[in-house]
């Protein structure tokens, strides 16, 4: 049982009363219900922009989490170098110099297999 203001005298009247006990003003059911607190419907959550901001924000967080977890589960690509040794005959060796052949070591990255 809630109390509302009487439209005639302004004093508080029960929502169950048929007429105001102070002035006798007849109270209609619609007038009493319109003044009753908490009886009206507020805005729907589907039309509230704050609700949609929260929903979109949660969706973004979920998608980013899935992407980061997927990348964290992958094995890192091998970033190692493999030494390659090649022998080259120098021009002086071919001319009869006794120094021997030159040996060169280069670091080469293996090609990534896909």
N, C-alpha and C. Protein backbone atom coordinates (compact mmCIF):
# COMPACT_ATOMS: atom_id res chain seq x y z
N UNK A 1 0.85 -1.17 0.00
CA UNK A 1 0.00 0.00 0.00
C UNK A 1 0.90 1.23 0.00
N UNK A 2 0.83 2.00 -1.08
CA UNK A 2 1.62 3.21 -1.21
C UNK A 2 0.72 4.41 -0.99
N UNK A 3 1.35 5.52 -0.67
CA UNK A 3 0.61 6.77 -0.49
C UNK A 3 0.90 7.71 -1.65
N UNK A 4 -0.15 8.37 -2.12
CA UNK A 4 -0.03 9.35 -3.20
C UNK A 4 -0.71 10.65 -2.74
N UNK A 5 -0.41 11.72 -3.45
CA UNK A 5 -1.03 13.01 -3.13
C UNK A 5 -2.41 13.10 -3.76
N UNK A 6 -3.36 13.64 -3.01
CA UNK A 6 -4.71 13.87 -3.53
C UNK A 6 -4.66 15.02 -4.52
N UNK A 7 -5.25 14.87 -5.71
CA UNK A 7 -5.22 15.95 -6.69
C UNK A 7 -6.01 17.20 -6.25
N UNK A 8 -6.94 17.04 -5.32
CA UNK A 8 -7.77 18.17 -4.88
C UNK A 8 -7.13 18.92 -3.71
N UNK A 9 -6.84 18.22 -2.61
CA UNK A 9 -6.34 18.91 -1.41
C UNK A 9 -4.83 18.78 -1.22
N UNK A 10 -4.18 17.83 -1.90
CA UNK A 10 -2.73 17.69 -1.83
C UNK A 10 -2.25 16.85 -0.66
N UNK A 11 -3.16 16.35 0.16
CA UNK A 11 -2.75 15.51 1.29
C UNK A 11 -2.55 14.08 0.80
N UNK A 12 -1.83 13.30 1.58
CA UNK A 12 -1.52 11.94 1.17
C UNK A 12 -2.71 11.01 1.39
N UNK A 13 -2.92 10.15 0.36
CA UNK A 13 -4.04 9.23 0.36
C UNK A 13 -3.51 7.85 -0.05
N UNK A 14 -4.10 6.82 0.49
CA UNK A 14 -3.74 5.46 0.14
C UNK A 14 -4.13 5.17 -1.30
N UNK A 15 -3.33 4.33 -1.94
CA UNK A 15 -3.65 3.93 -3.32
C UNK A 15 -4.87 3.01 -3.36
N UNK A 16 -5.25 2.46 -2.23
CA UNK A 16 -6.41 1.58 -2.16
C UNK A 16 -7.71 2.34 -1.89
N UNK A 17 -7.60 3.62 -1.54
CA UNK A 17 -8.80 4.40 -1.20
C UNK A 17 -9.60 4.73 -2.44
N UNK A 18 -10.93 4.75 -2.31
CA UNK A 18 -11.81 5.09 -3.41
C UNK A 18 -11.98 6.61 -3.49
N UNK A 19 -11.93 7.28 -2.33
CA UNK A 19 -12.04 8.75 -2.26
C UNK A 19 -11.08 9.25 -1.21
N UNK A 20 -10.72 10.52 -1.30
CA UNK A 20 -9.82 11.13 -0.32
C UNK A 20 -10.54 11.24 1.02
N UNK A 21 -9.94 10.75 2.11
CA UNK A 21 -10.62 10.82 3.40
C UNK A 21 -10.65 12.25 3.97
N UNK A 22 -9.84 13.16 3.42
CA UNK A 22 -9.77 14.52 3.93
C UNK A 22 -10.79 15.44 3.25
N UNK A 23 -10.88 15.35 1.92
CA UNK A 23 -11.78 16.26 1.20
C UNK A 23 -12.92 15.54 0.50
N UNK A 24 -12.86 14.21 0.39
CA UNK A 24 -13.91 13.45 -0.25
C UNK A 24 -13.80 13.38 -1.77
N UNK A 25 -12.71 13.87 -2.33
CA UNK A 25 -12.54 13.86 -3.77
C UNK A 25 -12.48 12.42 -4.25
N UNK A 26 -13.31 12.05 -5.26
CA UNK A 26 -13.28 10.66 -5.74
C UNK A 26 -11.98 10.40 -6.51
N UNK A 27 -11.36 9.32 -6.18
CA UNK A 27 -10.09 8.95 -6.82
C UNK A 27 -10.34 7.85 -7.84
N UNK A 28 -9.90 8.09 -9.04
CA UNK A 28 -10.02 7.04 -10.06
C UNK A 28 -8.79 6.14 -9.99
N UNK A 29 -8.92 4.96 -10.45
CA UNK A 29 -7.82 4.00 -10.41
C UNK A 29 -6.66 4.48 -11.28
N UNK A 30 -6.93 5.07 -12.43
CA UNK A 30 -5.88 5.53 -13.34
C UNK A 30 -5.10 6.70 -12.73
N UNK A 31 -5.78 7.60 -12.04
CA UNK A 31 -5.10 8.75 -11.43
C UNK A 31 -4.19 8.30 -10.30
N UNK A 32 -4.64 7.34 -9.53
CA UNK A 32 -3.83 6.85 -8.42
C UNK A 32 -2.62 6.08 -8.95
N UNK A 33 -2.81 5.26 -9.98
CA UNK A 33 -1.70 4.49 -10.52
C UNK A 33 -0.67 5.36 -11.22
N UNK A 34 -1.11 6.47 -11.81
CA UNK A 34 -0.14 7.34 -12.49
C UNK A 34 0.76 8.05 -11.50
N UNK A 35 0.29 8.25 -10.26
CA UNK A 35 1.10 8.94 -9.25
C UNK A 35 1.89 7.97 -8.38
N UNK A 36 1.57 6.69 -8.45
CA UNK A 36 2.24 5.71 -7.59
C UNK A 36 3.71 5.59 -7.99
N UNK A 37 4.60 5.64 -7.01
CA UNK A 37 6.03 5.53 -7.33
C UNK A 37 6.40 4.13 -7.79
N UNK A 38 7.26 4.05 -8.79
CA UNK A 38 7.78 2.78 -9.28
C UNK A 38 6.82 2.03 -10.17
N UNK A 39 5.70 2.63 -10.53
CA UNK A 39 4.73 1.93 -11.36
C UNK A 39 5.02 2.11 -12.85
N UNK A 40 5.63 3.22 -13.23
CA UNK A 40 5.88 3.49 -14.63
C UNK A 40 7.05 2.68 -15.16
N UNK A 41 7.01 2.41 -16.44
CA UNK A 41 8.11 1.67 -17.05
C UNK A 41 9.18 2.64 -17.50
N UNK A 42 10.40 2.31 -17.19
CA UNK A 42 11.53 3.12 -17.61
C UNK A 42 11.93 2.78 -19.03
N UNK A 43 13.01 3.37 -19.49
CA UNK A 43 13.47 3.06 -20.85
C UNK A 43 13.92 1.61 -20.95
N UNK A 44 13.67 1.04 -22.09
CA UNK A 44 14.06 -0.34 -22.33
C UNK A 44 15.58 -0.44 -22.45
N UNK A 45 16.12 -1.55 -22.03
CA UNK A 45 17.58 -1.71 -22.12
C UNK A 45 18.03 -1.80 -23.58
N UNK A 46 17.13 -2.20 -24.46
CA UNK A 46 17.49 -2.34 -25.87
C UNK A 46 17.65 -0.98 -26.53
N UNK A 47 17.02 0.05 -26.00
CA UNK A 47 17.14 1.38 -26.59
C UNK A 47 18.13 2.24 -25.83
N UNK A 48 18.65 1.75 -24.71
CA UNK A 48 19.60 2.51 -23.91
C UNK A 48 21.00 2.43 -24.55
N UNK A 49 21.61 3.57 -24.91
CA UNK A 49 22.94 3.52 -25.55
C UNK A 49 24.03 2.99 -24.63
N UNK A 50 23.89 3.19 -23.33
CA UNK A 50 24.90 2.67 -22.39
C UNK A 50 24.97 1.16 -22.42
N UNK A 51 23.83 0.52 -22.58
CA UNK A 51 23.80 -0.94 -22.68
C UNK A 51 24.57 -1.42 -23.89
N UNK A 52 24.37 -0.76 -25.02
CA UNK A 52 25.06 -1.17 -26.25
C UNK A 52 26.55 -0.89 -26.19
N UNK A 53 26.96 0.17 -25.51
CA UNK A 53 28.39 0.46 -25.36
C UNK A 53 29.06 -0.67 -24.57
N UNK A 54 28.39 -1.13 -23.54
CA UNK A 54 28.94 -2.22 -22.73
C UNK A 54 29.00 -3.52 -23.55
N UNK A 55 27.95 -3.81 -24.31
CA UNK A 55 27.91 -5.04 -25.12
C UNK A 55 29.02 -5.02 -26.16
N UNK A 56 29.19 -3.90 -26.88
CA UNK A 56 30.24 -3.81 -27.91
C UNK A 56 31.62 -3.88 -27.26
N UNK A 57 31.80 -3.23 -26.12
CA UNK A 57 33.09 -3.28 -25.42
C UNK A 57 33.45 -4.70 -25.01
N UNK A 58 32.49 -5.45 -24.50
CA UNK A 58 32.75 -6.84 -24.13
C UNK A 58 33.09 -7.70 -25.35
N UNK A 59 32.41 -7.45 -26.46
CA UNK A 59 32.70 -8.20 -27.68
C UNK A 59 34.13 -7.94 -28.16
N UNK A 60 34.56 -6.68 -28.10
CA UNK A 60 35.93 -6.33 -28.52
C UNK A 60 36.95 -7.01 -27.61
N UNK A 61 36.70 -7.00 -26.32
CA UNK A 61 37.64 -7.63 -25.38
C UNK A 61 37.72 -9.13 -25.64
N UNK A 62 36.60 -9.78 -25.92
CA UNK A 62 36.61 -11.22 -26.18
C UNK A 62 37.37 -11.53 -27.46
N UNK A 63 37.13 -10.76 -28.52
CA UNK A 63 37.82 -11.01 -29.79
C UNK A 63 39.33 -10.80 -29.64
N UNK A 64 39.74 -9.73 -28.99
CA UNK A 64 41.17 -9.48 -28.79
C UNK A 64 41.81 -10.57 -27.94
N UNK A 65 41.10 -11.05 -26.93
CA UNK A 65 41.64 -12.13 -26.10
C UNK A 65 41.85 -13.40 -26.92
N UNK A 66 40.89 -13.72 -27.77
CA UNK A 66 41.02 -14.91 -28.60
C UNK A 66 42.20 -14.80 -29.57
N UNK A 67 42.38 -13.62 -30.16
CA UNK A 67 43.49 -13.42 -31.10
C UNK A 67 44.82 -13.55 -30.37
N UNK A 68 44.93 -12.93 -29.21
CA UNK A 68 46.20 -13.01 -28.47
C UNK A 68 46.48 -14.42 -27.97
N UNK A 69 45.46 -15.14 -27.54
CA UNK A 69 45.67 -16.51 -27.09
C UNK A 69 46.06 -17.42 -28.24
N UNK A 70 45.49 -17.18 -29.40
CA UNK A 70 45.84 -18.00 -30.58
C UNK A 70 47.31 -17.77 -30.96
N UNK A 71 47.75 -16.52 -30.92
CA UNK A 71 49.14 -16.23 -31.28
C UNK A 71 50.10 -16.72 -30.21
N UNK A 72 49.69 -16.73 -28.97
CA UNK A 72 50.56 -17.19 -27.89
C UNK A 72 50.75 -18.71 -27.97
N UNK A 73 49.80 -19.42 -28.54
CA UNK A 73 49.89 -20.87 -28.64
C UNK A 73 50.76 -21.35 -29.79
N UNK A 74 51.05 -20.49 -30.73
CA UNK A 74 51.89 -20.88 -31.87
C UNK A 74 53.34 -21.00 -31.45
N UNK A 75 54.06 -21.91 -32.14
CA UNK A 75 55.49 -22.02 -31.89
C UNK A 75 56.20 -20.88 -32.60
N UNK A 76 57.17 -20.29 -31.96
CA UNK A 76 57.90 -19.21 -32.63
C UNK A 76 58.70 -19.77 -33.79
N UNK A 77 58.80 -18.98 -34.85
CA UNK A 77 59.57 -19.42 -36.01
C UNK A 77 61.05 -19.48 -35.64
N UNK A 78 61.74 -20.46 -36.21
CA UNK A 78 63.17 -20.61 -35.92
C UNK A 78 63.92 -19.42 -36.50
N UNK A 79 64.56 -18.69 -35.66
CA UNK A 79 65.31 -17.51 -36.09
C UNK A 79 66.80 -17.79 -35.88
N UNK A 80 67.25 -18.92 -36.40
CA UNK A 80 68.65 -19.31 -36.24
C UNK A 80 69.36 -19.15 -37.56
N UNK A 81 70.66 -19.02 -37.48
CA UNK A 81 71.48 -18.92 -38.69
C UNK A 81 72.28 -20.20 -38.84
N UNK A 82 72.49 -20.60 -40.07
CA UNK A 82 73.25 -21.81 -40.37
C UNK A 82 74.52 -21.39 -41.08
N UNK A 83 75.68 -21.76 -40.54
CA UNK A 83 76.92 -21.37 -41.22
C UNK A 83 77.11 -22.19 -42.51
N UNK A 84 77.50 -21.50 -43.56
CA UNK A 84 77.75 -22.14 -44.85
C UNK A 84 79.21 -21.89 -45.20
N UNK A 85 79.94 -22.95 -45.46
CA UNK A 85 81.36 -22.83 -45.79
C UNK A 85 81.54 -23.08 -47.28
N UNK A 86 82.20 -22.13 -47.93
CA UNK A 86 82.49 -22.28 -49.36
C UNK A 86 83.97 -22.12 -49.57
N UNK A 87 84.53 -22.86 -50.52
CA UNK A 87 85.93 -22.65 -50.82
C UNK A 87 86.05 -22.03 -52.19
N UNK A 88 86.89 -21.04 -52.22
CA UNK A 88 87.12 -20.32 -53.47
C UNK A 88 88.62 -20.30 -53.73
N UNK A 89 88.97 -20.52 -54.94
CA UNK A 89 90.37 -20.44 -55.30
C UNK A 89 90.69 -19.00 -55.62
N UNK A 90 91.71 -18.49 -55.01
CA UNK A 90 92.07 -17.10 -55.28
C UNK A 90 92.87 -17.01 -56.57
N UNK A 91 92.94 -15.85 -57.12
CA UNK A 91 93.65 -15.62 -58.38
C UNK A 91 95.13 -15.86 -58.22
N UNK A 92 95.64 -15.58 -57.01
CA UNK A 92 97.08 -15.78 -56.80
C UNK A 92 97.41 -17.25 -56.71
N UNK A 93 96.50 -18.08 -56.21
CA UNK A 93 96.76 -19.52 -56.12
C UNK A 93 96.82 -20.12 -57.51
N UNK A 94 95.95 -19.68 -58.38
CA UNK A 94 95.97 -20.20 -59.73
C UNK A 94 97.24 -19.77 -60.47
N UNK A 95 97.82 -18.67 -60.07
CA UNK A 95 99.03 -18.19 -60.72
C UNK A 95 100.26 -18.91 -60.20
N UNK A 96 100.09 -19.78 -59.23
CA UNK A 96 101.23 -20.54 -58.76
C UNK A 96 101.68 -20.13 -57.38
N UNK A 97 100.90 -19.31 -56.66
CA UNK A 97 101.26 -18.92 -55.31
C UNK A 97 101.02 -20.11 -54.39
N UNK A 98 101.80 -20.27 -53.38
CA UNK A 98 101.71 -21.43 -52.51
C UNK A 98 100.86 -21.16 -51.26
N UNK A 99 100.00 -20.14 -51.27
CA UNK A 99 99.23 -19.82 -50.07
C UNK A 99 98.04 -20.75 -49.88
N UNK A 100 97.58 -21.41 -50.91
CA UNK A 100 96.45 -22.33 -50.79
C UNK A 100 95.15 -21.62 -51.14
N UNK A 101 94.06 -22.29 -50.93
CA UNK A 101 92.78 -21.70 -51.28
C UNK A 101 92.19 -20.97 -50.07
N UNK A 102 91.40 -19.98 -50.38
CA UNK A 102 90.77 -19.18 -49.32
C UNK A 102 89.45 -19.84 -48.93
N UNK A 103 89.16 -19.86 -47.65
CA UNK A 103 87.90 -20.43 -47.15
C UNK A 103 87.09 -19.30 -46.54
N UNK A 104 85.81 -19.17 -46.95
CA UNK A 104 84.95 -18.10 -46.48
C UNK A 104 83.75 -18.72 -45.78
N UNK A 105 83.39 -18.16 -44.64
CA UNK A 105 82.21 -18.64 -43.92
C UNK A 105 81.20 -17.51 -43.90
N UNK A 106 80.00 -17.78 -44.41
CA UNK A 106 78.91 -16.81 -44.41
C UNK A 106 77.76 -17.37 -43.57
N UNK A 107 77.06 -16.48 -42.90
CA UNK A 107 75.88 -16.89 -42.14
C UNK A 107 74.66 -16.68 -43.03
N UNK A 108 73.91 -17.73 -43.23
CA UNK A 108 72.75 -17.68 -44.10
C UNK A 108 71.54 -18.16 -43.30
N UNK A 109 70.42 -17.44 -43.41
CA UNK A 109 69.20 -17.84 -42.73
C UNK A 109 68.49 -18.89 -43.59
N UNK A 110 68.01 -19.93 -42.96
CA UNK A 110 67.28 -20.93 -43.75
C UNK A 110 65.95 -20.35 -44.20
N UNK A 111 65.50 -20.80 -45.35
CA UNK A 111 64.24 -20.28 -45.87
C UNK A 111 63.10 -20.87 -45.03
N UNK A 112 62.11 -20.03 -44.77
CA UNK A 112 60.98 -20.46 -43.95
C UNK A 112 60.06 -21.35 -44.78
N UNK A 113 59.80 -22.52 -44.31
CA UNK A 113 58.89 -23.41 -45.03
C UNK A 113 57.48 -23.09 -44.58
N UNK A 114 56.60 -22.99 -45.55
CA UNK A 114 55.22 -22.58 -45.26
C UNK A 114 54.32 -23.77 -45.32
